[in-house]
C-alpha atoms as a PDB file:
ATOM      1  CA  MET A   1      -7.402  21.330   9.349  1.00  0.00           C
ATOM      2  CA  THR A   2     -10.306  21.684   7.057  1.00  0.00           C
ATOM      3  CA  LEU A   3     -13.244  19.561   6.840  1.00  0.00           C
ATOM      4  CA  ASP A   4     -12.052  18.387   3.071  1.00  0.00           C
ATOM      5  CA  ASP A   5      -8.872  17.406   4.724  1.00  0.00           C
ATOM      6  CA  LEU A   6     -10.730  15.467   7.312  1.00  0.00           C
ATOM      7  CA  ILE A   7     -12.539  13.895   4.787  1.00  0.00           C
ATOM      8  CA  CYS A   8      -9.883  12.999   2.579  1.00  0.00           C
ATOM      9  CA  LYS A   9      -7.959  11.321   5.477  1.00  0.00           C
ATOM     10  CA  MET A  10     -10.537   9.312   6.459  1.00  0.00           C
ATOM     11  CA  GLU A  11     -11.481   8.098   2.686  1.00  0.00           C
ATOM     12  CA  CYS A  12      -7.884   7.550   1.799  1.00  0.00           C
ATOM     13  CA  GLN A  13      -7.481   5.492   4.987  1.00  0.00           C
ATOM     14  CA  ASP A  14     -10.418   3.473   4.265  1.00  0.00           C
ATOM     15  CA  LEU A  15      -9.126   2.872   0.928  1.00  0.00           C
ATOM     16  CA  ILE A  16      -5.639   1.815   2.138  1.00  0.00           C
ATOM     17  CA  LEU A  17      -7.118  -0.804   4.508  1.00  0.00           C
ATOM     18  CA  ARG A  18      -9.598  -2.212   1.571  1.00  0.00           C
ATOM     19  CA  HIS A  19      -6.573  -2.732  -0.354  1.00  0.00           C
ATOM     20  CA  ALA A  20      -5.072  -5.027   2.108  1.00  0.00           C
ATOM     21  CA  ARG A  21      -8.411  -6.438   3.076  1.00  0.00           C
ATOM     22  CA  HIS A  22      -8.686  -7.402  -0.843  1.00  0.00           C
ATOM     23  CA  LEU A  23      -5.383  -8.775  -0.794  1.00  0.00           C
ATOM     24  CA  ASP A  24      -5.817 -10.765   2.400  1.00  0.00           C
ATOM     25  CA  ALA A  25      -8.731 -12.515   1.134  1.00  0.00           C
ATOM     26  CA  GLY A  26      -7.286 -13.489  -2.352  1.00  0.00           C
ATOM     27  CA  GLU A  27      -9.862 -11.074  -4.068  1.00  0.00           C
ATOM     28  CA  LEU A  28      -7.485 -10.012  -7.025  1.00  0.00           C
ATOM     29  CA  ALA A  29     -10.205  -8.719  -9.114  1.00  0.00           C
ATOM     30  CA  GLU A  30     -11.256  -6.498  -6.097  1.00  0.00           C
ATOM     31  CA  SER A  31      -8.077  -5.694  -5.232  1.00  0.00           C
ATOM     32  CA  ARG A  32      -7.345  -4.039  -9.042  1.00  0.00           C
ATOM     33  CA  THR A  33     -10.643  -1.626  -8.359  1.00  0.00           C
ATOM     34  CA  VAL A  34      -8.656   0.507  -5.780  1.00  0.00           C
ATOM     35  CA  TYR A  35      -6.022   1.669  -8.655  1.00  0.00           C
ATOM     36  CA  THR A  36      -6.778   4.095 -11.563  1.00  0.00           C
ATOM     37  CA  HIS A  37      -6.045   2.611 -14.765  1.00  0.00           C
ATOM     38  CA  ASP A  38      -2.878   3.803 -15.168  1.00  0.00           C
ATOM     39  CA  ALA A  39      -1.203   3.309 -11.586  1.00  0.00           C
ATOM     40  CA  ILE A  40       2.234   2.358 -11.387  1.00  0.00           C
ATOM     41  CA  ILE A  41       3.708  -0.193  -8.985  1.00  0.00           C
ATOM     42  CA  VAL A  42       7.307   0.367  -7.358  1.00  0.00           C
ATOM     43  CA  GLY A  43       8.928  -2.498  -6.442  1.00  0.00           C
ATOM     44  CA  PRO A  44      11.202  -2.871  -3.601  1.00  0.00           C
ATOM     45  CA  THR A  45      14.617  -2.780  -5.958  1.00  0.00           C
ATOM     46  CA  GLY A  46      12.629   0.329  -7.603  1.00  0.00           C
ATOM     47  CA  GLN A  47      11.471  -1.182 -10.642  1.00  0.00           C
ATOM     48  CA  GLU A  48       8.314   0.280 -12.064  1.00  0.00           C
ATOM     49  CA  ILE A  49       5.226  -1.591 -13.626  1.00  0.00           C
ATOM     50  CA  ARG A  50       1.681  -0.515 -14.735  1.00  0.00           C
ATOM     51  CA  GLN A  51      -0.779  -1.959 -12.428  1.00  0.00           C
ATOM     52  CA  ALA A  52      -2.657  -3.155 -15.088  1.00  0.00           C
ATOM     53  CA  ASP A  53      -0.034  -5.057 -16.760  1.00  0.00           C
ATOM     54  CA  ILE A  54       0.651  -7.620 -13.872  1.00  0.00           C
ATOM     55  CA  PRO A  55      -0.864 -10.600 -14.878  1.00  0.00           C
ATOM     56  CA  ASP A  56      -3.243 -12.201 -12.344  1.00  0.00           C
ATOM     57  CA  GLU A  57      -1.144 -15.179 -11.817  1.00  0.00           C
ATOM     58  CA  ARG A  58       1.862 -13.228 -10.796  1.00  0.00           C
ATOM     59  CA  LEU A  59      -0.061 -11.110  -8.481  1.00  0.00           C
ATOM     60  CA  LYS A  60      -1.638 -14.180  -6.885  1.00  0.00           C
ATOM     61  CA  GLN A  61       2.300 -15.711  -6.588  1.00  0.00           C
ATOM     62  CA  VAL A  62       3.414 -12.162  -5.079  1.00  0.00           C
ATOM     63  CA  THR A  63       0.471 -11.850  -2.506  1.00  0.00           C
ATOM     64  CA  ALA A  64       0.129 -15.895  -1.434  1.00  0.00           C
ATOM     65  CA  ASN A  65       1.070 -16.757   1.844  1.00  0.00           C
ATOM     66  CA  LEU A  66       1.118 -13.388   3.223  1.00  0.00           C
ATOM     67  CA  ARG A  67      -2.197 -12.885   5.379  1.00  0.00           C
ATOM     68  CA  PRO A  68      -2.862 -11.367   7.463  1.00  0.00           C
ATOM     69  CA  ARG A  69      -1.200  -7.997   6.548  1.00  0.00           C
ATOM     70  CA  ILE A  70      -1.073  -5.987   9.517  1.00  0.00           C
ATOM     71  CA  VAL A  71      -1.484  -2.237   8.612  1.00  0.00           C
ATOM     72  CA  THR A  72      -0.884   0.571  10.954  1.00  0.00           C
ATOM     73  CA  ASN A  73       0.231   4.221  11.360  1.00  0.00           C
ATOM     74  CA  ILE A  74      -1.575   4.962   8.208  1.00  0.00           C
ATOM     75  CA  MET A  75      -0.772   8.918   7.922  1.00  0.00           C
ATOM     76  CA  VAL A  76      -2.574  10.815   4.780  1.00  0.00           C
ATOM     77  CA  THR A  77      -1.718  14.212   3.952  1.00  0.00           C
ATOM     78  CA  PRO A  78      -4.065  15.794   1.357  1.00  0.00           C
ATOM     79  CA  THR A  79      -1.859  17.742  -1.444  1.00  0.00           C
ATOM     80  CA  SER A  80      -4.885  19.307  -3.000  1.00  0.00           C
ATOM     81  CA  LEU A  81      -8.870  18.858  -3.108  1.00  0.00           C
ATOM     82  CA  THR A  82      -8.179  15.760  -5.487  1.00  0.00           C
ATOM     83  CA  THR A  83      -4.478  14.495  -4.627  1.00  0.00           C
ATOM     84  CA  ALA A  84      -3.377  13.046  -1.477  1.00  0.00           C
ATOM     85  CA  LYS A  85       0.057  10.970  -0.470  1.00  0.00           C
ATOM     86  CA  ALA A  86      -0.117   8.391   2.416  1.00  0.00           C
ATOM     87  CA  PHE A  87       2.351   6.027   4.212  1.00  0.00           C
ATOM     88  CA  ALA A  88       1.494   3.020   6.154  1.00  0.00           C
ATOM     89  CA  TYR A  89       3.712   0.525   8.236  1.00  0.00           C
ATOM     90  CA  VAL A  90       2.792  -3.341   7.136  1.00  0.00           C
ATOM     91  CA  THR A  91       3.458  -6.355   9.184  1.00  0.00           C
ATOM     92  CA  LEU A  92       3.793  -9.715   6.865  1.00  0.00           C
ATOM     93  CA  PRO A  93       3.783 -13.284   8.337  1.00  0.00           C
ATOM     94  CA  ARG A  94       7.134 -13.928   6.653  1.00  0.00           C
ATOM     95  CA  ALA A  95      10.802 -14.857   8.397  1.00  0.00           C
ATOM     96  CA  GLU A  96      12.537 -12.426   5.746  1.00  0.00           C
ATOM     97  CA  ILE A  97      11.859  -9.025   6.055  1.00  0.00           C
ATOM     98  CA  PRO A  98       8.616  -9.207   7.792  1.00  0.00           C
ATOM     99  CA  GLN A  99       7.916  -5.831   8.225  1.00  0.00           C
ATOM    100  CA  GLY A 100       7.587  -2.814   5.349  1.00  0.00           C
ATOM    101  CA  GLU A 101       6.499   0.551   4.665  1.00  0.00           C
ATOM    102  CA  TRP A 102       3.908   1.141   2.054  1.00  0.00           C
ATOM    103  CA  HIS A 103       3.722   4.372   0.198  1.00  0.00           C
ATOM    104  CA  TYR A 104       0.827   5.752  -1.936  1.00  0.00           C
ATOM    105  CA  ASP A 105       0.038   8.670  -4.626  1.00  0.00           C
ATOM    106  CA  LEU A 106      -3.917   9.022  -4.334  1.00  0.00           C
ATOM    107  CA  CYS A 107      -6.220  10.606  -6.520  1.00  0.00           C
ATOM    108  CA  LYS A 108      -9.730  11.524  -6.015  1.00  0.00           C
ATOM    109  CA  LEU A 109     -12.084  10.293  -9.208  1.00  0.00           C
ATOM    110  CA  ASP A 110     -15.427  10.694  -9.917  1.00  0.00           C
ATOM    111  CA  GLN A 111     -15.788   7.003  -8.384  1.00  0.00           C
ATOM    112  CA  GLY A 112     -13.707   8.190  -5.291  1.00  0.00           C
ATOM    113  CA  TRP A 113     -10.317   7.805  -3.866  1.00  0.00           C
ATOM    114  CA  ARG A 114      -7.934   5.496  -6.201  1.00  0.00           C
ATOM    115  CA  ILE A 115      -4.070   4.717  -5.848  1.00  0.00           C
ATOM    116  CA  SER A 116      -2.073   6.186  -8.879  1.00  0.00           C
ATOM    117  CA  ARG A 117       1.268   4.863  -7.324  1.00  0.00           C
ATOM    118  CA  PHE A 118       2.035   2.276  -5.027  1.00  0.00           C
ATOM    119  CA  GLY A 119       5.360   1.268  -3.462  1.00  0.00           C
ATOM    120  CA  ALA A 120       6.046  -1.283  -0.978  1.00  0.00           C
ATOM    121  CA  VAL A 121       9.953  -1.148   0.920  1.00  0.00           C
ATOM    122  CA  GLY A 122      11.006  -3.716   3.176  1.00  0.00           C
ATOM    123  CA  ILE A 123      12.667  -2.890   6.448  1.00  0.00           C
ATOM    124  CA  GLU A 124      15.082  -5.177   8.001  1.00  0.00           C
ATOM    125  CA  ARG A 125      14.494  -6.433  11.488  1.00  0.00           C
ATOM    126  CA  ASP A 126      17.134  -4.857  13.817  1.00  0.00           C
ATOM    127  CA  LYS A 127      18.923  -8.613  15.203  1.00  0.00           C
ATOM    128  CA  GLY A 128      21.196  -7.050  17.632  1.00  0.00           C
ATOM    129  CA  GLY A 129      19.034  -4.956  20.136  1.00  0.00           C
ATOM    130  CA  ALA A 130      18.294  -1.330  20.063  1.00  0.00           C
ATOM    131  CA  GLY A 131      20.400   0.409  17.491  1.00  0.00           C
ATOM    132  CA  ASN A 132      22.616  -2.578  16.870  1.00  0.00           C
ATOM    133  CA  LYS A 133      22.069  -3.594  13.083  1.00  0.00           C
ATOM    134  CA  SER A 134      25.575  -5.436  13.346  1.00  0.00           C
ATOM    135  CA  GLY A 135      23.936  -8.641  13.862  1.00  0.00           C
END
């Protein structure tokens, strides 16, 4: 691993945690600063929308009552000097699909690392013990 790779990993992990913290604090304007101007958000059903096109009211509605977001197992993979992919698990305080995966494409701009693509995928809870998903 090179020093550039290590710096990338640390800066991208900080960005991901800052993203979650802004959402937890209800800081909508600040939460938008972690994205590139043309960033894409991929929803749980695969629909794509430009992050800039999401109205504040919709963002507030989607993020309300999901505090705190517990983000773990962040894995950042540098793909070049200015791009990286990342993955994290997230746990949310809700009954339906309380666990998920966050997937990121990141790029380095003059202002630092930013999210260019973000997707959240829910993980259903195992209801019948280890390996048994039959309920």
